[in-house]
Amino acid sequence: MQPPFFSAIKDSRRVLIAGMGGGFDVFCGLPLYFALRSEGMEVTLCNLSFTSFSPLAPHPLAPALTEVTPEFRVSEGAYFPEYYLSCWLGSQGEIPRVFALSKTGVQPLLAAYRALAEHLSLDTIILVDGGTDALMRGDEVDLGTPHEDAVSLCAVNELLHERPELKTYMVSLGFGIDHFHGVSHWNVLEATAELTRAGAYLGSFSLTPEQKPVQLYRAACEAVFRQMPRHVSIVNSSILSAVDGQYGDYHATGRTHGSELWINPLMAQYWCYELGPVARRLQYREALMDTLTMSEVDQVIRTHRESVNIRPHHALPL
């Protein structure tokens, strides 16, 4: 009865867990990071970063890629979750291997992933979405915040074509959170059903308070939130509230006051997929492939939205 995801990665040895949507997405991969590390795998963390880090790292591995270390000089309270995560890992006796990717178009990001795969001799890449909007294909009423997710999907999917021996997956954590951005979770479940028919859905499983990887995930989040009090992650604080058993309009951070939340047990559940079929669902994938900048990505998405029939909104009939 083990979820197929764990059977799929049981022979992995050198794994990259990468936050695909920027911000604190990499933190949503921390329970997996600690769990796989405890199984003896070599696991590295990476995040598509909202931080301009080039002045901090004069010798990046690739133009859009750098390793973030505790030695970086960062002003107090700066928005740099990857840096504070690296510091916390070091304080726990871990060897902090955290990389940051620039917000770019597909081609620079592909070059960065290519360099990282070679540098780390990766056999497995797991993209992590904090929320579920990475499953939007492009003709839904609202796509959430698709830009970074789509670029990450396209880059890693193209890397898979270059290196077919790579195992690539996408997992999401935080079902229901993207309602804040207008996403209908009717479409999320529709996508999961479609991927199930394609043999690409690898099951789901819940995070619970007594699990050691979950406790470490909480400790990392709380430590970094203290370093960035003005930028507490709404996604991760909501997930942790769900892990605790909170329900309904519960607010763990003042950043959400004035809005209505639906904290629920499904937020604490990983949903796992093979990456290739998820990427192939993206209707504007081909148009994204030659993009160099986020401005070009935005134009591709806008053009696509103007050219397709937007499907009617459906709410969950529950």
Protein backbone atom coordinates (compact mmCIF):
# COMPACT_ATOMS: atom_id res chain seq x y z
CA MET A 1 0.00 0.00 0.00
CA GLN A 2 3.02 2.30 -0.25
CA PRO A 3 2.44 5.22 -2.67
CA PRO A 4 4.01 4.44 -6.09
CA PHE A 5 6.17 7.56 -5.78
CA PHE A 6 8.42 5.84 -3.24
CA SER A 7 8.74 2.73 -5.39
CA ALA A 8 9.73 4.96 -8.30
CA ILE A 9 12.58 6.66 -6.40
CA LYS A 10 13.78 3.75 -4.24
CA ASP A 11 16.91 3.24 -6.36
CA SER A 12 17.76 6.95 -6.58
CA ARG A 13 21.10 7.96 -5.12
CA ARG A 14 21.73 11.62 -6.02
CA VAL A 15 18.53 13.64 -5.83
CA LEU A 16 17.77 17.31 -6.45
CA ILE A 17 14.69 18.75 -4.74
CA ALA A 18 13.90 22.07 -6.44
CA GLY A 19 11.27 24.67 -5.58
CA MET A 20 9.70 25.36 -8.95
CA GLY A 21 7.63 28.45 -8.27
CA GLY A 22 10.05 30.61 -6.34
CA GLY A 23 9.65 32.21 -2.94
CA PHE A 24 9.45 29.54 -0.25
CA ASP A 25 8.59 26.63 -2.57
CA VAL A 26 11.81 24.80 -1.67
CA PHE A 27 10.62 24.64 1.95
CA CYS A 28 7.69 22.52 0.76
CA GLY A 29 10.28 19.96 -0.24
CA LEU A 30 11.93 19.78 3.17
CA PRO A 31 9.89 16.85 4.54
CA LEU A 32 11.01 14.84 1.50
CA TYR A 33 14.57 16.11 1.90
CA PHE A 34 14.86 14.86 5.46
CA ALA A 35 13.05 11.61 4.71
CA LEU A 36 15.24 10.73 1.72
CA ARG A 37 18.39 11.77 3.57
CA SER A 38 17.47 9.34 6.34
CA GLU A 39 17.29 6.60 3.68
CA GLY A 40 20.91 7.25 2.74
CA MET A 41 20.32 9.28 -0.42
CA GLU A 42 22.48 12.27 -1.32
CA VAL A 43 19.95 15.09 -1.55
CA THR A 44 20.55 18.69 -2.65
CA LEU A 45 18.13 21.60 -2.41
CA CYS A 46 17.51 24.23 -5.06
CA ASN A 47 15.02 27.04 -5.53
CA LEU A 48 13.95 29.37 -8.29
CA SER A 49 14.79 32.53 -6.41
CA PHE A 50 13.08 35.90 -6.14
CA THR A 51 16.38 37.34 -4.87
CA SER A 52 18.91 39.15 -7.04
CA PHE A 53 21.97 37.21 -6.01
CA SER A 54 24.51 37.89 -8.75
CA PRO A 55 26.43 40.56 -6.77
CA LEU A 56 26.69 38.07 -3.90
CA ALA A 57 28.22 35.31 -6.02
CA PRO A 58 30.86 36.52 -8.48
CA HIS A 59 31.59 32.98 -9.70
CA PRO A 60 28.28 31.22 -10.35
CA LEU A 61 28.18 27.69 -11.75
CA ALA A 62 26.14 29.06 -14.67
CA PRO A 63 24.84 32.56 -15.47
CA ALA A 64 21.49 31.80 -13.78
CA LEU A 65 22.76 29.50 -11.03
CA THR A 66 24.73 29.91 -7.84
CA GLU A 67 25.35 27.99 -4.65
CA VAL A 68 24.04 29.82 -1.59
CA THR A 69 26.24 29.51 1.48
CA PRO A 70 26.17 30.89 5.02
CA GLU A 71 29.21 32.98 4.08
CA PHE A 72 27.11 35.33 1.93
CA ARG A 73 26.83 38.85 3.29
CA VAL A 74 23.14 39.66 3.57
CA SER A 75 21.50 42.67 5.18
CA GLU A 76 19.32 41.91 8.18
CA GLY A 77 15.75 41.01 7.25
CA ALA A 78 16.51 40.84 3.52
CA TYR A 79 14.26 38.65 1.39
CA PHE A 80 16.55 35.68 0.84
CA PRO A 81 14.94 32.46 2.12
CA GLU A 82 17.56 30.28 0.42
CA TYR A 83 20.31 31.98 2.43
CA TYR A 84 18.55 31.63 5.78
CA LEU A 85 17.76 27.99 4.98
CA SER A 86 21.43 27.37 4.27
CA CYS A 87 22.36 28.98 7.59
CA TRP A 88 19.83 26.89 9.50
CA LEU A 89 20.98 23.64 7.91
CA GLY A 90 24.55 24.49 8.86
CA SER A 91 23.49 25.19 12.44
CA GLN A 92 21.96 21.69 12.59
CA GLY A 93 25.19 19.97 11.62
CA GLU A 94 24.05 19.43 8.03
CA ILE A 95 26.35 20.17 5.11
CA PRO A 96 24.24 22.95 3.57
CA ARG A 97 23.90 22.35 -0.18
CA VAL A 98 21.42 24.96 -1.34
CA PHE A 99 21.41 26.39 -4.87
CA ALA A 100 19.47 29.36 -6.25
CA LEU A 101 18.21 29.81 -9.80
CA SER A 102 17.50 33.21 -11.33
CA LYS A 103 14.05 34.18 -12.58
CA THR A 104 14.61 33.80 -16.32
CA GLY A 105 13.08 32.34 -19.42
CA VAL A 106 13.36 28.67 -20.30
CA GLN A 107 16.70 28.68 -22.11
CA PRO A 108 18.83 30.23 -19.30
CA LEU A 109 17.05 28.04 -16.75
CA LEU A 110 17.68 24.95 -18.86
CA ALA A 111 21.38 25.84 -18.99
CA ALA A 112 21.38 26.22 -15.20
CA TYR A 113 19.69 22.85 -14.64
CA ARG A 114 22.08 21.26 -17.13
CA ALA A 115 25.08 22.64 -15.21
CA LEU A 116 23.63 21.53 -11.89
CA ALA A 117 22.89 18.01 -13.16
CA GLU A 118 26.47 17.66 -14.35
CA HIS A 119 28.00 19.25 -11.25
CA LEU A 120 26.09 16.97 -8.87
CA SER A 121 25.92 13.87 -11.12
CA LEU A 122 22.18 13.77 -10.53
CA ASP A 123 20.03 10.75 -11.26
CA THR A 124 16.73 12.24 -10.01
CA ILE A 125 15.08 15.67 -10.04
CA ILE A 126 11.93 16.39 -8.01
CA LEU A 127 10.22 19.72 -8.67
CA VAL A 128 8.11 20.95 -5.76
CA ASP A 129 5.12 23.25 -6.07
CA GLY A 130 3.87 25.04 -2.97
CA GLY A 131 0.21 24.88 -3.88
CA THR A 132 -1.29 23.23 -6.95
CA ASP A 133 -1.35 25.82 -9.75
CA ALA A 134 1.52 24.06 -11.58
CA LEU A 135 -1.19 21.64 -12.78
CA MET A 136 -3.08 24.33 -14.72
CA ARG A 137 -2.81 23.64 -18.46
CA GLY A 138 -3.63 27.12 -19.75
CA ASP A 139 -7.35 27.39 -20.55
CA GLU A 140 -8.73 27.48 -17.01
CA VAL A 141 -10.54 30.59 -15.79
CA ASP A 142 -7.60 31.47 -13.52
CA LEU A 143 -4.09 30.05 -13.69
CA GLY A 144 -2.88 31.29 -10.31
CA THR A 145 0.76 32.39 -10.65
CA PRO A 146 1.92 30.25 -13.58
CA HIS A 147 5.10 31.91 -14.84
CA GLU A 148 7.79 30.35 -12.67
CA ASP A 149 6.08 26.95 -12.49
CA ALA A 150 5.75 26.76 -16.28
CA VAL A 151 9.36 27.77 -16.92
CA SER A 152 10.63 25.19 -14.42
CA LEU A 153 8.49 22.45 -15.95
CA CYS A 154 9.66 23.24 -19.46
CA ALA A 155 13.34 23.44 -18.53
CA VAL A 156 13.47 20.14 -16.64
CA ASN A 157 11.31 18.39 -19.24
CA GLU A 158 13.76 19.49 -21.95
CA LEU A 159 16.68 18.32 -19.82
CA LEU A 160 14.98 14.92 -19.66
CA HIS A 161 15.06 14.78 -23.46
CA GLU A 162 18.82 15.43 -23.34
CA ARG A 163 19.42 13.00 -20.49
CA PRO A 164 16.76 10.27 -20.73
CA GLU A 165 18.39 8.35 -17.89
CA LEU A 166 17.22 11.06 -15.47
CA LYS A 167 14.18 10.34 -13.35
CA THR A 168 11.99 13.44 -13.05
CA TYR A 169 8.95 14.05 -10.87
CA MET A 170 6.70 16.86 -9.75
CA VAL A 171 5.07 16.98 -6.33
CA SER A 172 2.67 19.53 -4.89
CA LEU A 173 1.96 20.35 -1.27
CA GLY A 174 -0.79 22.71 -0.14
CA PHE A 175 -4.08 21.67 -1.74
CA GLY A 176 -6.53 24.55 -1.40
CA ILE A 177 -3.99 27.33 -0.89
CA ASP A 178 -4.23 28.61 -4.48
CA HIS A 179 -7.90 29.44 -3.96
CA PHE A 180 -6.42 32.73 -2.71
CA HIS A 181 -5.23 33.31 -6.32
CA GLY A 182 -8.50 32.25 -7.91
CA VAL A 183 -7.57 28.69 -8.82
CA SER A 184 -10.46 26.24 -8.92
CA HIS A 185 -9.46 22.96 -7.32
CA TRP A 186 -12.02 21.30 -9.55
CA ASN A 187 -9.34 21.80 -12.23
CA VAL A 188 -6.63 20.40 -9.94
CA LEU A 189 -8.57 17.18 -9.46
CA GLU A 190 -9.40 17.12 -13.17
CA ALA A 191 -5.69 17.28 -13.96
CA THR A 192 -4.93 14.52 -11.48
CA ALA A 193 -7.62 12.30 -13.02
CA GLU A 194 -6.19 12.94 -16.50
CA LEU A 195 -2.68 12.11 -15.32
CA THR A 196 -4.02 8.99 -13.63
CA ARG A 197 -5.40 7.81 -16.97
CA ALA A 198 -1.96 8.46 -18.48
CA GLY A 199 -0.28 6.37 -15.77
CA ALA A 200 1.55 9.44 -14.44
CA TYR A 201 -0.11 9.94 -11.05
CA LEU A 202 2.10 8.41 -8.36
CA GLY A 203 -0.21 8.68 -5.39
CA SER A 204 -0.52 10.95 -2.39
CA PHE A 205 0.36 10.82 1.29
CA SER A 206 -0.10 13.02 4.33
CA LEU A 207 2.29 14.79 6.67
CA THR A 208 1.51 14.20 10.34
CA PRO A 209 2.90 15.88 13.46
CA GLU A 210 4.77 12.86 14.87
CA GLN A 211 6.91 12.31 11.76
CA LYS A 212 10.52 13.37 12.33
CA PRO A 213 10.93 14.90 8.82
CA VAL A 214 7.84 17.01 9.49
CA GLN A 215 9.22 18.18 12.82
CA LEU A 216 12.46 19.24 11.11
CA TYR A 217 10.46 20.98 8.37
CA ARG A 218 8.61 22.94 11.04
CA ALA A 219 11.84 23.86 12.83
CA ALA A 220 13.41 25.11 9.58
CA CYS A 221 10.35 27.20 8.69
CA GLU A 222 10.05 28.74 12.12
CA ALA A 223 13.75 29.60 12.24
CA VAL A 224 13.66 31.31 8.83
CA PHE A 225 10.38 33.09 9.62
CA ARG A 226 12.12 34.65 12.63
CA GLN A 227 14.86 35.93 10.33
CA MET A 228 12.32 37.31 7.83
CA PRO A 229 9.39 38.46 10.01
CA ARG A 230 7.94 40.70 7.29
CA HIS A 231 7.89 37.86 4.77
CA VAL A 232 6.47 34.87 6.63
CA SER A 233 5.42 32.30 4.03
CA ILE A 234 1.64 32.13 3.73
CA VAL A 235 1.90 28.78 1.93
CA ASN A 236 4.11 27.05 4.48
CA SER A 237 2.41 28.57 7.53
CA SER A 238 -0.92 27.32 6.13
CA ILE A 239 0.51 23.83 5.55
CA LEU A 240 1.90 23.71 9.07
CA SER A 241 -1.48 24.83 10.43
CA ALA A 242 -3.09 21.94 8.56
CA VAL A 243 -0.49 19.53 9.96
CA ASP A 244 -1.46 20.76 13.44
CA GLY A 245 -5.13 19.99 12.78
CA GLN A 246 -6.32 23.57 12.45
CA TYR A 247 -9.38 24.00 10.27
CA GLY A 248 -11.29 26.71 8.47
CA ASP A 249 -10.53 30.42 8.70
CA TYR A 250 -7.42 30.05 10.85
CA HIS A 251 -4.62 32.62 10.48
CA ALA A 252 -1.10 31.70 11.57
CA THR A 253 0.37 34.93 10.22
CA GLY A 254 -0.83 38.50 10.17
CA ARG A 255 -0.11 38.60 6.44
CA THR A 256 -3.45 36.86 5.78
CA HIS A 257 -5.64 39.02 8.03
CA GLY A 258 -8.51 40.49 6.05
CA SER A 259 -8.87 37.45 3.82
CA GLU A 260 -10.80 34.25 4.40
CA LEU A 261 -8.78 31.03 4.55
CA TRP A 262 -9.83 27.40 4.39
CA ILE A 263 -7.18 25.49 6.30
CA ASN A 264 -7.95 21.80 5.83
CA PRO A 265 -6.30 18.35 6.09
CA LEU A 266 -5.71 18.14 2.31
CA MET A 267 -3.18 21.00 2.60
CA ALA A 268 -0.84 18.65 4.45
CA GLN A 269 -0.86 16.09 1.66
CA TYR A 270 1.75 15.52 -1.05
CA TRP A 271 0.41 14.79 -4.53
CA CYS A 272 3.01 13.11 -6.76
CA TYR A 273 3.34 12.90 -10.54
CA GLU A 274 5.77 11.98 -13.28
CA LEU A 275 7.08 15.29 -14.59
CA GLY A 276 7.00 14.66 -18.34
CA PRO A 277 3.23 14.16 -18.66
CA VAL A 278 2.59 17.22 -16.47
CA ALA A 279 4.79 19.33 -18.75
CA ARG A 280 3.13 17.97 -21.89
CA ARG A 281 -0.29 19.10 -20.59
CA LEU A 282 0.93 22.70 -20.68
CA GLN A 283 -0.74 24.13 -23.75
CA TYR A 284 1.82 26.90 -24.33
CA ARG A 285 4.91 24.77 -23.64
CA GLU A 286 6.30 24.95 -27.18
CA ALA A 287 5.88 28.71 -27.28
CA LEU A 288 7.87 29.04 -24.06
CA MET A 289 10.88 27.04 -25.17
CA ASP A 290 12.87 29.90 -26.74
CA THR A 291 12.18 32.46 -24.02
CA LEU A 292 15.10 34.19 -22.35
CA THR A 293 13.40 36.51 -19.86
CA MET A 294 10.35 36.57 -17.63
CA SER A 295 8.96 39.41 -19.74
CA GLU A 296 8.94 37.07 -22.72
CA VAL A 297 7.30 34.37 -20.61
CA ASP A 298 4.57 36.81 -19.59
CA GLN A 299 3.95 37.72 -23.23
CA VAL A 300 3.68 34.05 -24.25
CA ILE A 301 1.07 33.41 -21.55
CA ARG A 302 -0.90 36.54 -22.44
CA THR A 303 -0.89 35.64 -26.14
CA HIS A 304 -2.01 32.11 -25.39
CA ARG A 305 -4.86 33.28 -23.16
CA GLU A 306 -6.08 35.58 -25.94
CA SER A 307 -6.03 32.74 -28.49
CA VAL A 308 -7.95 29.98 -26.64
CA ASN A 309 -11.47 29.54 -25.38
CA ILE A 310 -11.37 29.88 -21.61
CA ARG A 311 -13.38 27.07 -20.07
CA PRO A 312 -16.17 27.81 -17.58
CA HIS A 313 -15.38 27.97 -13.90
CA HIS A 314 -16.34 24.90 -11.87
CA ALA A 315 -16.45 24.73 -8.08
CA LEU A 316 -15.97 21.51 -6.19
CA PRO A 317 -19.42 19.91 -5.76
CA LEU A 318 -18.85 19.03 -2.12
